[in-house]
Amino acid sequence: MSGRAHTRPEGTGEPTSVAWPLRILILAPFRSDARLTAEFLSKAGLQAEICRDVSELCDRIEEGCAAVI
């Protein structure tokens, strides 16, 4: 890991290489808040993914995750 949070390519719906049960999903009101949170978690050695909206968050929860912020 290069210290960067993993996110899906915009609009592709393709999964990242992050192990589903270990990832932390982030849904924040502003993209900058989500990015900063993901960077903070990544620096702590955690794997984070940013969700664009509630629908995407729900889909990813169904796939599996460790936590939601």
N, C-alpha and C. Protein backbone atom coordinates (compact mmCIF):
# COMPACT_ATOMS: atom_id res chain seq x y z
N MET A 1 0.84 -1.18 0.00
CA MET A 1 0.00 0.00 0.00
C MET A 1 0.89 1.24 0.00
N SER A 2 0.60 2.16 -0.83
CA SER A 2 1.42 3.35 -0.96
C SER A 2 0.94 4.49 -0.07
N GLY A 3 0.13 4.18 0.95
CA GLY A 3 -0.37 5.24 1.80
C GLY A 3 -1.58 5.94 1.21
N ARG A 4 -2.14 5.39 0.16
CA ARG A 4 -3.30 6.00 -0.48
C ARG A 4 -4.52 5.11 -0.29
N ALA A 5 -5.66 5.73 -0.12
CA ALA A 5 -6.90 4.97 0.01
C ALA A 5 -7.29 4.42 -1.35
N HIS A 6 -7.94 3.29 -1.33
CA HIS A 6 -8.40 2.67 -2.57
C HIS A 6 -9.82 3.12 -2.86
N THR A 7 -10.06 3.54 -4.07
CA THR A 7 -11.41 3.87 -4.48
C THR A 7 -11.67 3.21 -5.82
N ARG A 8 -12.91 2.94 -6.10
CA ARG A 8 -13.27 2.39 -7.40
C ARG A 8 -13.14 3.47 -8.43
N PRO A 9 -12.77 3.11 -9.65
CA PRO A 9 -12.78 4.11 -10.72
C PRO A 9 -14.19 4.66 -10.88
N GLU A 10 -14.30 5.94 -11.02
CA GLU A 10 -15.61 6.60 -11.11
C GLU A 10 -16.48 5.96 -12.19
N GLY A 11 -17.66 5.54 -11.79
CA GLY A 11 -18.66 5.06 -12.74
C GLY A 11 -18.43 3.68 -13.31
N THR A 12 -17.34 2.98 -12.91
CA THR A 12 -17.11 1.67 -13.52
C THR A 12 -17.77 0.55 -12.75
N GLY A 13 -17.95 0.75 -11.45
CA GLY A 13 -18.52 -0.30 -10.63
C GLY A 13 -17.56 -1.46 -10.41
N GLU A 14 -16.30 -1.30 -10.82
CA GLU A 14 -15.33 -2.37 -10.67
C GLU A 14 -14.79 -2.38 -9.26
N PRO A 15 -14.64 -3.57 -8.67
CA PRO A 15 -14.08 -3.63 -7.32
C PRO A 15 -12.60 -3.30 -7.32
N THR A 16 -12.11 -2.86 -6.17
CA THR A 16 -10.68 -2.61 -6.02
C THR A 16 -10.02 -3.89 -5.54
N SER A 17 -8.73 -3.83 -5.29
CA SER A 17 -8.01 -4.99 -4.79
C SER A 17 -8.15 -5.14 -3.28
N VAL A 18 -8.86 -4.24 -2.63
CA VAL A 18 -9.04 -4.30 -1.18
C VAL A 18 -9.87 -5.52 -0.83
N ALA A 19 -9.43 -6.27 0.18
CA ALA A 19 -10.21 -7.41 0.66
C ALA A 19 -11.51 -6.87 1.26
N TRP A 20 -12.64 -7.32 0.74
CA TRP A 20 -13.93 -6.76 1.15
C TRP A 20 -14.14 -6.71 2.66
N PRO A 21 -13.87 -7.80 3.40
CA PRO A 21 -14.17 -7.75 4.84
C PRO A 21 -13.29 -6.78 5.63
N LEU A 22 -12.18 -6.35 5.06
CA LEU A 22 -11.24 -5.49 5.79
C LEU A 22 -11.41 -4.01 5.50
N ARG A 23 -12.16 -3.67 4.51
CA ARG A 23 -12.25 -2.26 4.10
C ARG A 23 -13.19 -1.46 4.98
N ILE A 24 -12.91 -0.17 5.03
CA ILE A 24 -13.76 0.79 5.74
C ILE A 24 -14.40 1.68 4.67
N LEU A 25 -15.71 1.73 4.67
CA LEU A 25 -16.43 2.54 3.69
C LEU A 25 -16.68 3.93 4.25
N ILE A 26 -16.53 4.93 3.40
CA ILE A 26 -16.70 6.32 3.82
C ILE A 26 -17.77 6.98 2.96
N LEU A 27 -18.72 7.61 3.63
CA LEU A 27 -19.72 8.45 2.96
C LEU A 27 -19.72 9.78 3.69
N ALA A 28 -19.30 10.82 3.03
CA ALA A 28 -19.20 12.14 3.65
C ALA A 28 -19.95 13.16 2.80
N PRO A 29 -20.41 14.25 3.42
CA PRO A 29 -21.19 15.25 2.68
C PRO A 29 -20.39 15.97 1.59
N PHE A 30 -19.08 16.06 1.77
CA PHE A 30 -18.24 16.73 0.78
C PHE A 30 -17.11 15.81 0.36
N ARG A 31 -16.79 15.80 -0.92
CA ARG A 31 -15.73 14.95 -1.45
C ARG A 31 -14.41 15.19 -0.71
N SER A 32 -14.11 16.44 -0.37
CA SER A 32 -12.86 16.74 0.33
C SER A 32 -12.85 16.11 1.73
N ASP A 33 -13.99 16.07 2.40
CA ASP A 33 -14.08 15.41 3.71
C ASP A 33 -13.80 13.92 3.57
N ALA A 34 -14.39 13.32 2.56
CA ALA A 34 -14.19 11.89 2.33
C ALA A 34 -12.72 11.60 2.03
N ARG A 35 -12.12 12.42 1.19
CA ARG A 35 -10.71 12.23 0.80
C ARG A 35 -9.80 12.35 2.02
N LEU A 36 -10.01 13.38 2.83
CA LEU A 36 -9.18 13.58 4.02
C LEU A 36 -9.34 12.43 5.01
N THR A 37 -10.56 11.96 5.18
CA THR A 37 -10.81 10.83 6.07
C THR A 37 -10.11 9.57 5.56
N ALA A 38 -10.22 9.32 4.26
CA ALA A 38 -9.56 8.16 3.67
C ALA A 38 -8.04 8.25 3.83
N GLU A 39 -7.48 9.44 3.66
CA GLU A 39 -6.03 9.62 3.82
C GLU A 39 -5.62 9.37 5.27
N PHE A 40 -6.40 9.87 6.21
CA PHE A 40 -6.12 9.66 7.63
C PHE A 40 -6.13 8.17 7.96
N LEU A 41 -7.15 7.45 7.50
CA LEU A 41 -7.24 6.02 7.76
C LEU A 41 -6.09 5.26 7.10
N SER A 42 -5.76 5.64 5.89
CA SER A 42 -4.67 5.00 5.17
C SER A 42 -3.34 5.16 5.91
N LYS A 43 -3.09 6.36 6.43
CA LYS A 43 -1.86 6.60 7.20
C LYS A 43 -1.82 5.76 8.46
N ALA A 44 -2.98 5.38 8.97
CA ALA A 44 -3.07 4.52 10.15
C ALA A 44 -2.97 3.04 9.77
N GLY A 45 -2.78 2.76 8.48
CA GLY A 45 -2.64 1.39 8.02
C GLY A 45 -3.94 0.68 7.71
N LEU A 46 -5.02 1.43 7.59
CA LEU A 46 -6.33 0.86 7.31
C LEU A 46 -6.69 1.07 5.85
N GLN A 47 -7.55 0.22 5.33
CA GLN A 47 -7.97 0.31 3.93
C GLN A 47 -9.34 0.97 3.86
N ALA A 48 -9.42 2.05 3.10
CA ALA A 48 -10.66 2.83 3.02
C ALA A 48 -11.12 2.97 1.58
N GLU A 49 -12.44 3.01 1.41
CA GLU A 49 -13.06 3.27 0.11
C GLU A 49 -14.09 4.37 0.28
N ILE A 50 -14.09 5.29 -0.65
CA ILE A 50 -15.05 6.40 -0.64
C ILE A 50 -16.26 6.02 -1.48
N CYS A 51 -17.45 6.22 -0.91
CA CYS A 51 -18.71 5.99 -1.63
C CYS A 51 -19.28 7.34 -2.06
N ARG A 52 -19.80 7.40 -3.27
CA ARG A 52 -20.34 8.66 -3.81
C ARG A 52 -21.70 9.03 -3.24
N ASP A 53 -22.51 8.00 -2.93
CA ASP A 53 -23.86 8.28 -2.44
C ASP A 53 -24.36 7.10 -1.60
N VAL A 54 -25.55 7.25 -1.02
CA VAL A 54 -26.10 6.23 -0.14
C VAL A 54 -26.34 4.92 -0.90
N SER A 55 -26.78 5.02 -2.13
CA SER A 55 -27.03 3.81 -2.92
C SER A 55 -25.75 3.00 -3.09
N GLU A 56 -24.67 3.67 -3.45
CA GLU A 56 -23.38 2.98 -3.60
C GLU A 56 -22.92 2.41 -2.26
N LEU A 57 -23.10 3.16 -1.19
CA LEU A 57 -22.73 2.68 0.14
C LEU A 57 -23.48 1.40 0.47
N CYS A 58 -24.78 1.38 0.23
CA CYS A 58 -25.58 0.19 0.51
C CYS A 58 -25.11 -1.01 -0.31
N ASP A 59 -24.80 -0.79 -1.58
CA ASP A 59 -24.31 -1.87 -2.43
C ASP A 59 -23.01 -2.44 -1.88
N ARG A 60 -22.11 -1.58 -1.46
CA ARG A 60 -20.82 -2.03 -0.95
C ARG A 60 -20.95 -2.69 0.42
N ILE A 61 -21.89 -2.23 1.24
CA ILE A 61 -22.13 -2.90 2.53
C ILE A 61 -22.54 -4.34 2.28
N GLU A 62 -23.41 -4.56 1.29
CA GLU A 62 -23.85 -5.91 0.95
C GLU A 62 -22.67 -6.78 0.50
N GLU A 63 -21.67 -6.18 -0.14
CA GLU A 63 -20.49 -6.92 -0.58
C GLU A 63 -19.62 -7.30 0.62
N GLY A 64 -19.67 -6.49 1.66
CA GLY A 64 -18.90 -6.76 2.88
C GLY A 64 -17.96 -5.61 3.21
N CYS A 65 -17.83 -5.35 4.49
CA CYS A 65 -16.92 -4.32 4.97
C CYS A 65 -16.70 -4.51 6.46
N ALA A 66 -15.68 -3.85 6.98
CA ALA A 66 -15.39 -3.92 8.41
C ALA A 66 -16.12 -2.81 9.17
N ALA A 67 -16.27 -1.64 8.52
CA ALA A 67 -16.88 -0.49 9.20
C ALA A 67 -17.38 0.50 8.17
N VAL A 68 -18.25 1.40 8.62
CA VAL A 68 -18.78 2.48 7.79
C VAL A 68 -18.62 3.78 8.55
N ILE A 69 -18.11 4.79 7.86
CA ILE A 69 -17.98 6.14 8.45
C ILE A 69 -18.79 7.08 7.59
